[in-house]
Amino acid sequence: MAENAIASGKALSILERTIELHGGDS
């Protein structure tokens, strides 16, 4: 499951959205 979270791009998308919600440059 962890490997697929990276391979699918989902984990990176979650980091990107989290940065955005914190006001950061996603």
mmCIF file of all heavy atoms, coordinates in Angstrom:
data_MODEL
# 
_entry.id   MODEL 
# 
loop_
_atom_site.group_PDB 
_atom_site.id 
_atom_site.type_symbol 
_atom_site.label_atom_id 
_atom_site.label_alt_id 
_atom_site.label_comp_id 
_atom_site.label_asym_id 
_atom_site.label_entity_id 
_atom_site.label_seq_id 
_atom_site.pdbx_PDB_ins_code 
_atom_site.Cartn_x 
_atom_site.Cartn_y 
_atom_site.Cartn_z 
_atom_site.occupancy 
_atom_site.B_iso_or_equiv 
_atom_site.pdbx_formal_charge 
_atom_site.auth_seq_id 
_atom_site.auth_comp_id 
_atom_site.auth_asym_id 
_atom_site.auth_atom_id 
_atom_site.pdbx_PDB_model_num 
ATOM 1   N N   . MET A 1 1  ? 0.834  -1.205 0.000  1.00 0.00 ? 1  MET A N   1 
ATOM 2   C CA  . MET A 1 1  ? 0.000  0.000  0.000  1.00 0.00 ? 1  MET A CA  1 
ATOM 3   C C   . MET A 1 1  ? 0.873  1.261  0.000  1.00 0.00 ? 1  MET A C   1 
ATOM 4   O O   . MET A 1 1  ? 0.590  2.228  -0.728 1.00 0.00 ? 1  MET A O   1 
ATOM 5   C CB  . MET A 1 1  ? -0.903 0.010  1.242  1.00 0.00 ? 1  MET A CB  1 
ATOM 6   C CG  . MET A 1 1  ? -1.996 -1.042 1.234  1.00 0.00 ? 1  MET A CG  1 
ATOM 7   S SD  . MET A 1 1  ? -2.830 -1.167 2.856  1.00 0.00 ? 1  MET A SD  1 
ATOM 8   C CE  . MET A 1 1  ? -3.600 0.439  2.954  1.00 0.00 ? 1  MET A CE  1 
ATOM 9   N N   . ALA A 1 2  ? 1.923  1.257  0.799  1.00 0.00 ? 2  ALA A N   1 
ATOM 10  C CA  . ALA A 1 2  ? 2.810  2.423  0.884  1.00 0.00 ? 2  ALA A CA  1 
ATOM 11  C C   . ALA A 1 2  ? 3.517  2.664  -0.448 1.00 0.00 ? 2  ALA A C   1 
ATOM 12  O O   . ALA A 1 2  ? 3.631  3.807  -0.913 1.00 0.00 ? 2  ALA A O   1 
ATOM 13  C CB  . ALA A 1 2  ? 3.823  2.219  2.006  1.00 0.00 ? 2  ALA A CB  1 
ATOM 14  N N   . GLU A 1 3  ? 3.996  1.590  -1.056 1.00 0.00 ? 3  GLU A N   1 
ATOM 15  C CA  . GLU A 1 3  ? 4.676  1.731  -2.349 1.00 0.00 ? 3  GLU A CA  1 
ATOM 16  C C   . GLU A 1 3  ? 3.719  2.254  -3.417 1.00 0.00 ? 3  GLU A C   1 
ATOM 17  O O   . GLU A 1 3  ? 4.094  3.098  -4.243 1.00 0.00 ? 3  GLU A O   1 
ATOM 18  C CB  . GLU A 1 3  ? 5.261  0.381  -2.764 1.00 0.00 ? 3  GLU A CB  1 
ATOM 19  C CG  . GLU A 1 3  ? 6.447  -0.035 -1.908 1.00 0.00 ? 3  GLU A CG  1 
ATOM 20  C CD  . GLU A 1 3  ? 6.982  -1.409 -2.254 1.00 0.00 ? 3  GLU A CD  1 
ATOM 21  O OE1 . GLU A 1 3  ? 6.199  -2.258 -2.746 1.00 0.00 ? 3  GLU A OE1 1 
ATOM 22  O OE2 . GLU A 1 3  ? 8.190  -1.647 -2.036 1.00 0.00 ? 3  GLU A OE2 1 
ATOM 23  N N   . ASN A 1 4  ? 2.474  1.788  -3.381 1.00 0.00 ? 4  ASN A N   1 
ATOM 24  C CA  . ASN A 1 4  ? 1.490  2.241  -4.361 1.00 0.00 ? 4  ASN A CA  1 
ATOM 25  C C   . ASN A 1 4  ? 1.113  3.705  -4.144 1.00 0.00 ? 4  ASN A C   1 
ATOM 26  O O   . ASN A 1 4  ? 0.798  4.432  -5.099 1.00 0.00 ? 4  ASN A O   1 
ATOM 27  C CB  . ASN A 1 4  ? 0.239  1.365  -4.299 1.00 0.00 ? 4  ASN A CB  1 
ATOM 28  C CG  . ASN A 1 4  ? -0.759 1.727  -5.389 1.00 0.00 ? 4  ASN A CG  1 
ATOM 29  O OD1 . ASN A 1 4  ? -0.458 1.649  -6.586 1.00 0.00 ? 4  ASN A OD1 1 
ATOM 30  N ND2 . ASN A 1 4  ? -1.959 2.144  -4.986 1.00 0.00 ? 4  ASN A ND2 1 
ATOM 31  N N   . ALA A 1 5  ? 1.156  4.166  -2.885 1.00 0.00 ? 5  ALA A N   1 
ATOM 32  C CA  . ALA A 1 5  ? 0.843  5.575  -2.599 1.00 0.00 ? 5  ALA A CA  1 
ATOM 33  C C   . ALA A 1 5  ? 1.826  6.506  -3.298 1.00 0.00 ? 5  ALA A C   1 
ATOM 34  O O   . ALA A 1 5  ? 1.460  7.595  -3.744 1.00 0.00 ? 5  ALA A O   1 
ATOM 35  C CB  . ALA A 1 5  ? 0.861  5.814  -1.095 1.00 0.00 ? 5  ALA A CB  1 
ATOM 36  N N   . ILE A 1 6  ? 3.076  6.066  -3.408 1.00 0.00 ? 6  ILE A N   1 
ATOM 37  C CA  . ILE A 1 6  ? 4.076  6.853  -4.144 1.00 0.00 ? 6  ILE A CA  1 
ATOM 38  C C   . ILE A 1 6  ? 3.908  6.651  -5.643 1.00 0.00 ? 6  ILE A C   1 
ATOM 39  O O   . ILE A 1 6  ? 3.860  7.615  -6.414 1.00 0.00 ? 6  ILE A O   1 
ATOM 40  C CB  . ILE A 1 6  ? 5.501  6.468  -3.697 1.00 0.00 ? 6  ILE A CB  1 
ATOM 41  C CG1 . ILE A 1 6  ? 5.764  6.983  -2.274 1.00 0.00 ? 6  ILE A CG1 1 
ATOM 42  C CG2 . ILE A 1 6  ? 6.551  7.035  -4.668 1.00 0.00 ? 6  ILE A CG2 1 
ATOM 43  C CD1 . ILE A 1 6  ? 7.131  6.648  -1.727 1.00 0.00 ? 6  ILE A CD1 1 
ATOM 44  N N   . ALA A 1 7  ? 3.804  5.388  -6.064 1.00 0.00 ? 7  ALA A N   1 
ATOM 45  C CA  . ALA A 1 7  ? 3.738  5.088  -7.499 1.00 0.00 ? 7  ALA A CA  1 
ATOM 46  C C   . ALA A 1 7  ? 2.533  5.741  -8.170 1.00 0.00 ? 7  ALA A C   1 
ATOM 47  O O   . ALA A 1 7  ? 2.609  6.187  -9.326 1.00 0.00 ? 7  ALA A O   1 
ATOM 48  C CB  . ALA A 1 7  ? 3.694  3.575  -7.704 1.00 0.00 ? 7  ALA A CB  1 
ATOM 49  N N   . SER A 1 8  ? 1.421  5.846  -7.446 1.00 0.00 ? 8  SER A N   1 
ATOM 50  C CA  . SER A 1 8  ? 0.197  6.433  -8.017 1.00 0.00 ? 8  SER A CA  1 
ATOM 51  C C   . SER A 1 8  ? 0.223  7.959  -8.032 1.00 0.00 ? 8  SER A C   1 
ATOM 52  O O   . SER A 1 8  ? -0.609 8.590  -8.688 1.00 0.00 ? 8  SER A O   1 
ATOM 53  C CB  . SER A 1 8  ? -1.022 5.972  -7.204 1.00 0.00 ? 8  SER A CB  1 
ATOM 54  O OG  . SER A 1 8  ? -0.972 6.519  -5.897 1.00 0.00 ? 8  SER A OG  1 
ATOM 55  N N   . GLY A 1 9  ? 1.159  8.549  -7.276 1.00 0.00 ? 9  GLY A N   1 
ATOM 56  C CA  . GLY A 1 9  ? 1.222  10.009 -7.167 1.00 0.00 ? 9  GLY A CA  1 
ATOM 57  C C   . GLY A 1 9  ? 0.309  10.579 -6.094 1.00 0.00 ? 9  GLY A C   1 
ATOM 58  O O   . GLY A 1 9  ? 0.291  11.797 -5.868 1.00 0.00 ? 9  GLY A O   1 
ATOM 59  N N   . LYS A 1 10 ? -0.442 9.712  -5.402 1.00 0.00 ? 10 LYS A N   1 
ATOM 60  C CA  . LYS A 1 10 ? -1.410 10.203 -4.422 1.00 0.00 ? 10 LYS A CA  1 
ATOM 61  C C   . LYS A 1 10 ? -0.732 10.863 -3.227 1.00 0.00 ? 10 LYS A C   1 
ATOM 62  O O   . LYS A 1 10 ? -1.192 11.898 -2.726 1.00 0.00 ? 10 LYS A O   1 
ATOM 63  C CB  . LYS A 1 10 ? -2.322 9.063  -3.963 1.00 0.00 ? 10 LYS A CB  1 
ATOM 64  C CG  . LYS A 1 10 ? -3.483 9.551  -3.101 1.00 0.00 ? 10 LYS A CG  1 
ATOM 65  C CD  . LYS A 1 10 ? -4.476 8.423  -2.801 1.00 0.00 ? 10 LYS A CD  1 
ATOM 66  C CE  . LYS A 1 10 ? -5.627 8.953  -1.949 1.00 0.00 ? 10 LYS A CE  1 
ATOM 67  N NZ  . LYS A 1 10 ? -6.609 7.888  -1.611 1.00 0.00 ? 10 LYS A NZ  1 
ATOM 68  N N   . ALA A 1 11 ? 0.361  10.262 -2.751 1.00 0.00 ? 11 ALA A N   1 
ATOM 69  C CA  . ALA A 1 11 ? 1.045  10.821 -1.580 1.00 0.00 ? 11 ALA A CA  1 
ATOM 70  C C   . ALA A 1 11 ? 1.584  12.219 -1.872 1.00 0.00 ? 11 ALA A C   1 
ATOM 71  O O   . ALA A 1 11 ? 1.472  13.128 -1.049 1.00 0.00 ? 11 ALA A O   1 
ATOM 72  C CB  . ALA A 1 11 ? 2.176  9.892  -1.134 1.00 0.00 ? 11 ALA A CB  1 
ATOM 73  N N   . LEU A 1 12 ? 2.158  12.408 -3.061 1.00 0.00 ? 12 LEU A N   1 
ATOM 74  C CA  . LEU A 1 12 ? 2.676  13.725 -3.433 1.00 0.00 ? 12 LEU A CA  1 
ATOM 75  C C   . LEU A 1 12 ? 1.535  14.734 -3.536 1.00 0.00 ? 12 LEU A C   1 
ATOM 76  O O   . LEU A 1 12 ? 1.676  15.894 -3.114 1.00 0.00 ? 12 LEU A O   1 
ATOM 77  C CB  . LEU A 1 12 ? 3.442  13.649 -4.749 1.00 0.00 ? 12 LEU A CB  1 
ATOM 78  C CG  . LEU A 1 12 ? 4.075  14.962 -5.223 1.00 0.00 ? 12 LEU A CG  1 
ATOM 79  C CD1 . LEU A 1 12 ? 5.105  15.463 -4.218 1.00 0.00 ? 12 LEU A CD1 1 
ATOM 80  C CD2 . LEU A 1 12 ? 4.711  14.790 -6.600 1.00 0.00 ? 12 LEU A CD2 1 
ATOM 81  N N   . SER A 1 13 ? 0.399  14.307 -4.072 1.00 0.00 ? 13 SER A N   1 
ATOM 82  C CA  . SER A 1 13 ? -0.751 15.204 -4.180 1.00 0.00 ? 13 SER A CA  1 
ATOM 83  C C   . SER A 1 13 ? -1.246 15.648 -2.807 1.00 0.00 ? 13 SER A C   1 
ATOM 84  O O   . SER A 1 13 ? -1.667 16.802 -2.624 1.00 0.00 ? 13 SER A O   1 
ATOM 85  C CB  . SER A 1 13 ? -1.889 14.516 -4.936 1.00 0.00 ? 13 SER A CB  1 
ATOM 86  O OG  . SER A 1 13 ? -1.533 14.297 -6.276 1.00 0.00 ? 13 SER A OG  1 
ATOM 87  N N   . ILE A 1 14 ? -1.182 14.729 -1.835 1.00 0.00 ? 14 ILE A N   1 
ATOM 88  C CA  . ILE A 1 14 ? -1.597 15.080 -0.471 1.00 0.00 ? 14 ILE A CA  1 
ATOM 89  C C   . ILE A 1 14 ? -0.641 16.112 0.126  1.00 0.00 ? 14 ILE A C   1 
ATOM 90  O O   . ILE A 1 14 ? -1.073 17.089 0.750  1.00 0.00 ? 14 ILE A O   1 
ATOM 91  C CB  . ILE A 1 14 ? -1.689 13.817 0.402  1.00 0.00 ? 14 ILE A CB  1 
ATOM 92  C CG1 . ILE A 1 14 ? -2.972 13.050 0.039  1.00 0.00 ? 14 ILE A CG1 1 
ATOM 93  C CG2 . ILE A 1 14 ? -1.657 14.155 1.892  1.00 0.00 ? 14 ILE A CG2 1 
ATOM 94  C CD1 . ILE A 1 14 ? -3.128 11.725 0.710  1.00 0.00 ? 14 ILE A CD1 1 
ATOM 95  N N   . LEU A 1 15 ? 0.662  15.928 -0.069 1.00 0.00 ? 15 LEU A N   1 
ATOM 96  C CA  . LEU A 1 15 ? 1.616  16.929 0.408  1.00 0.00 ? 15 LEU A CA  1 
ATOM 97  C C   . LEU A 1 15 ? 1.352  18.274 -0.251 1.00 0.00 ? 15 LEU A C   1 
ATOM 98  O O   . LEU A 1 15 ? 1.341  19.325 0.417  1.00 0.00 ? 15 LEU A O   1 
ATOM 99  C CB  . LEU A 1 15 ? 3.049  16.483 0.138  1.00 0.00 ? 15 LEU A CB  1 
ATOM 100 C CG  . LEU A 1 15 ? 4.136  17.489 0.551  1.00 0.00 ? 15 LEU A CG  1 
ATOM 101 C CD1 . LEU A 1 15 ? 4.127  17.724 2.055  1.00 0.00 ? 15 LEU A CD1 1 
ATOM 102 C CD2 . LEU A 1 15 ? 5.514  17.021 0.081  1.00 0.00 ? 15 LEU A CD2 1 
ATOM 103 N N   . GLU A 1 16 ? 1.099  18.261 -1.548 1.00 0.00 ? 16 GLU A N   1 
ATOM 104 C CA  . GLU A 1 16 ? 0.862  19.490 -2.300 1.00 0.00 ? 16 GLU A CA  1 
ATOM 105 C C   . GLU A 1 16 ? -0.365 20.234 -1.765 1.00 0.00 ? 16 GLU A C   1 
ATOM 106 O O   . GLU A 1 16 ? -0.326 21.458 -1.531 1.00 0.00 ? 16 GLU A O   1 
ATOM 107 C CB  . GLU A 1 16 ? 0.679  19.146 -3.778 1.00 0.00 ? 16 GLU A CB  1 
ATOM 108 C CG  . GLU A 1 16 ? 0.586  20.336 -4.701 1.00 0.00 ? 16 GLU A CG  1 
ATOM 109 C CD  . GLU A 1 16 ? 0.587  19.918 -6.167 1.00 0.00 ? 16 GLU A CD  1 
ATOM 110 O OE1 . GLU A 1 16 ? 0.418  18.709 -6.465 1.00 0.00 ? 16 GLU A OE1 1 
ATOM 111 O OE2 . GLU A 1 16 ? 0.745  20.812 -7.016 1.00 0.00 ? 16 GLU A OE2 1 
ATOM 112 N N   . ARG A 1 17 ? -1.449 19.518 -1.545 1.00 0.00 ? 17 ARG A N   1 
ATOM 113 C CA  . ARG A 1 17 ? -2.676 20.147 -1.060 1.00 0.00 ? 17 ARG A CA  1 
ATOM 114 C C   . ARG A 1 17 ? -2.499 20.637 0.382  1.00 0.00 ? 17 ARG A C   1 
ATOM 115 O O   . ARG A 1 17 ? -2.994 21.719 0.747  1.00 0.00 ? 17 ARG A O   1 
ATOM 116 C CB  . ARG A 1 17 ? -3.836 19.153 -1.143 1.00 0.00 ? 17 ARG A CB  1 
ATOM 117 C CG  . ARG A 1 17 ? -5.175 19.677 -0.601 1.00 0.00 ? 17 ARG A CG  1 
ATOM 118 C CD  . ARG A 1 17 ? -5.647 20.916 -1.340 1.00 0.00 ? 17 ARG A CD  1 
ATOM 119 N NE  . ARG A 1 17 ? -6.965 21.339 -0.866 1.00 0.00 ? 17 ARG A NE  1 
ATOM 120 C CZ  . ARG A 1 17 ? -7.420 22.579 -0.949 1.00 0.00 ? 17 ARG A CZ  1 
ATOM 121 N NH1 . ARG A 1 17 ? -6.673 23.538 -1.476 1.00 0.00 ? 17 ARG A NH1 1 
ATOM 122 N NH2 . ARG A 1 17 ? -8.629 22.888 -0.504 1.00 0.00 ? 17 ARG A NH2 1 
ATOM 123 N N   . THR A 1 18 ? -1.784 19.866 1.194  1.00 0.00 ? 18 THR A N   1 
ATOM 124 C CA  . THR A 1 18 ? -1.552 20.273 2.579  1.00 0.00 ? 18 THR A CA  1 
ATOM 125 C C   . THR A 1 18 ? -0.748 21.569 2.637  1.00 0.00 ? 18 THR A C   1 
ATOM 126 O O   . THR A 1 18 ? -1.071 22.484 3.406  1.00 0.00 ? 18 THR A O   1 
ATOM 127 C CB  . THR A 1 18 ? -0.826 19.161 3.355  1.00 0.00 ? 18 THR A CB  1 
ATOM 128 O OG1 . THR A 1 18 ? -1.626 17.973 3.351  1.00 0.00 ? 18 THR A OG1 1 
ATOM 129 C CG2 . THR A 1 18 ? -0.560 19.574 4.797  1.00 0.00 ? 18 THR A CG2 1 
ATOM 130 N N   . ILE A 1 19 ? 0.295  21.670 1.818  1.00 0.00 ? 19 ILE A N   1 
ATOM 131 C CA  . ILE A 1 19 ? 1.084  22.906 1.766  1.00 0.00 ? 19 ILE A CA  1 
ATOM 132 C C   . ILE A 1 19 ? 0.195  24.083 1.365  1.00 0.00 ? 19 ILE A C   1 
ATOM 133 O O   . ILE A 1 19 ? 0.271  25.165 1.955  1.00 0.00 ? 19 ILE A O   1 
ATOM 134 C CB  . ILE A 1 19 ? 2.260  22.747 0.786  1.00 0.00 ? 19 ILE A CB  1 
ATOM 135 C CG1 . ILE A 1 19 ? 3.290  21.757 1.335  1.00 0.00 ? 19 ILE A CG1 1 
ATOM 136 C CG2 . ILE A 1 19 ? 2.929  24.094 0.499  1.00 0.00 ? 19 ILE A CG2 1 
ATOM 137 C CD1 . ILE A 1 19 ? 4.379  21.378 0.341  1.00 0.00 ? 19 ILE A CD1 1 
ATOM 138 N N   . GLU A 1 20 ? -0.654 23.854 0.381  1.00 0.00 ? 20 GLU A N   1 
ATOM 139 C CA  . GLU A 1 20 ? -1.560 24.909 -0.084 1.00 0.00 ? 20 GLU A CA  1 
ATOM 140 C C   . GLU A 1 20 ? -2.484 25.387 1.034  1.00 0.00 ? 20 GLU A C   1 
ATOM 141 O O   . GLU A 1 20 ? -2.684 26.605 1.225  1.00 0.00 ? 20 GLU A O   1 
ATOM 142 C CB  . GLU A 1 20 ? -2.385 24.392 -1.266 1.00 0.00 ? 20 GLU A CB  1 
ATOM 143 C CG  . GLU A 1 20 ? -3.312 25.418 -1.887 1.00 0.00 ? 20 GLU A CG  1 
ATOM 144 C CD  . GLU A 1 20 ? -4.126 24.837 -3.038 1.00 0.00 ? 20 GLU A CD  1 
ATOM 145 O OE1 . GLU A 1 20 ? -3.937 23.652 -3.380 1.00 0.00 ? 20 GLU A OE1 1 
ATOM 146 O OE2 . GLU A 1 20 ? -4.964 25.572 -3.586 1.00 0.00 ? 20 GLU A OE2 1 
ATOM 147 N N   . LEU A 1 21 ? -3.043 24.453 1.801  1.00 0.00 ? 21 LEU A N   1 
ATOM 148 C CA  . LEU A 1 21 ? -3.959 24.810 2.884  1.00 0.00 ? 21 LEU A CA  1 
ATOM 149 C C   . LEU A 1 21 ? -3.245 25.529 4.023  1.00 0.00 ? 21 LEU A C   1 
ATOM 150 O O   . LEU A 1 21 ? -3.881 26.244 4.805  1.00 0.00 ? 21 LEU A O   1 
ATOM 151 C CB  . LEU A 1 21 ? -4.675 23.560 3.408  1.00 0.00 ? 21 LEU A CB  1 
ATOM 152 C CG  . LEU A 1 21 ? -5.686 22.930 2.439  1.00 0.00 ? 21 LEU A CG  1 
ATOM 153 C CD1 . LEU A 1 21 ? -6.192 21.602 2.984  1.00 0.00 ? 21 LEU A CD1 1 
ATOM 154 C CD2 . LEU A 1 21 ? -6.857 23.884 2.187  1.00 0.00 ? 21 LEU A CD2 1 
ATOM 155 N N   . HIS A 1 22 ? -1.932 25.335 4.117  1.00 0.00 ? 22 HIS A N   1 
ATOM 156 C CA  . HIS A 1 22 ? -1.130 26.039 5.123  1.00 0.00 ? 22 HIS A CA  1 
ATOM 157 C C   . HIS A 1 22 ? -0.648 27.397 4.608  1.00 0.00 ? 22 HIS A C   1 
ATOM 158 O O   . HIS A 1 22 ? 0.098  28.087 5.307  1.00 0.00 ? 22 HIS A O   1 
ATOM 159 C CB  . HIS A 1 22 ? 0.084  25.196 5.530  1.00 0.00 ? 22 HIS A CB  1 
ATOM 160 C CG  . HIS A 1 22 ? -0.210 24.168 6.575  1.00 0.00 ? 22 HIS A CG  1 
ATOM 161 N ND1 . HIS A 1 22 ? 0.077  24.354 7.914  1.00 0.00 ? 22 HIS A ND1 1 
ATOM 162 C CD2 . HIS A 1 22 ? -0.769 22.935 6.498  1.00 0.00 ? 22 HIS A CD2 1 
ATOM 163 C CE1 . HIS A 1 22 ? -0.282 23.290 8.597  1.00 0.00 ? 22 HIS A CE1 1 
ATOM 164 N NE2 . HIS A 1 22 ? -0.803 22.410 7.758  1.00 0.00 ? 22 HIS A NE2 1 
ATOM 165 N N   . GLY A 1 23 ? -1.058 27.756 3.396  1.00 0.00 ? 23 GLY A N   1 
ATOM 166 C CA  . GLY A 1 23 ? -0.659 29.042 2.834  1.00 0.00 ? 23 GLY A CA  1 
ATOM 167 C C   . GLY A 1 23 ? 0.677  29.028 2.124  1.00 0.00 ? 23 GLY A C   1 
ATOM 168 O O   . GLY A 1 23 ? 1.191  30.092 1.735  1.00 0.00 ? 23 GLY A O   1 
ATOM 169 N N   . GLY A 1 24 ? 1.252  27.843 1.939  1.00 0.00 ? 24 GLY A N   1 
ATOM 170 C CA  . GLY A 1 24 ? 2.574  27.740 1.317  1.00 0.00 ? 24 GLY A CA  1 
ATOM 171 C C   . GLY A 1 24 ? 2.514  27.634 -0.194 1.00 0.00 ? 24 GLY A C   1 
ATOM 172 O O   . GLY A 1 24 ? 1.451  27.378 -0.778 1.00 0.00 ? 24 GLY A O   1 
ATOM 173 N N   . ASP A 1 25 ? 3.662  27.798 -0.808 1.00 0.00 ? 25 ASP A N   1 
ATOM 174 C CA  . ASP A 1 25 ? 3.781  27.706 -2.264 1.00 0.00 ? 25 ASP A CA  1 
ATOM 175 C C   . ASP A 1 25 ? 3.843  26.231 -2.655 1.00 0.00 ? 25 ASP A C   1 
ATOM 176 O O   . ASP A 1 25 ? 4.910  25.620 -2.667 1.00 0.00 ? 25 ASP A O   1 
ATOM 177 C CB  . ASP A 1 25 ? 5.036  28.447 -2.732 1.00 0.00 ? 25 ASP A CB  1 
ATOM 178 C CG  . ASP A 1 25 ? 5.148  28.501 -4.254 1.00 0.00 ? 25 ASP A CG  1 
ATOM 179 O OD1 . ASP A 1 25 ? 4.317  27.877 -4.935 1.00 0.00 ? 25 ASP A OD1 1 
ATOM 180 O OD2 . ASP A 1 25 ? 6.089  29.162 -4.752 1.00 0.00 ? 25 ASP A OD2 1 
ATOM 181 N N   . SER A 1 26 ? 2.689  25.662 -2.982 1.00 0.00 ? 26 SER A N   1 
ATOM 182 C CA  . SER A 1 26 ? 2.608  24.227 -3.276 1.00 0.00 ? 26 SER A CA  1 
ATOM 183 C C   . SER A 1 26 ? 3.271  23.863 -4.600 1.00 0.00 ? 26 SER A C   1 
ATOM 184 O O   . SER A 1 26 ? 3.463  22.681 -4.893 1.00 0.00 ? 26 SER A O   1 
ATOM 185 C CB  . SER A 1 26 ? 1.144  23.782 -3.280 1.00 0.00 ? 26 SER A CB  1 
ATOM 186 O OG  . SER A 1 26 ? 0.412  24.467 -4.278 1.00 0.00 ? 26 SER A OG  1 
# 
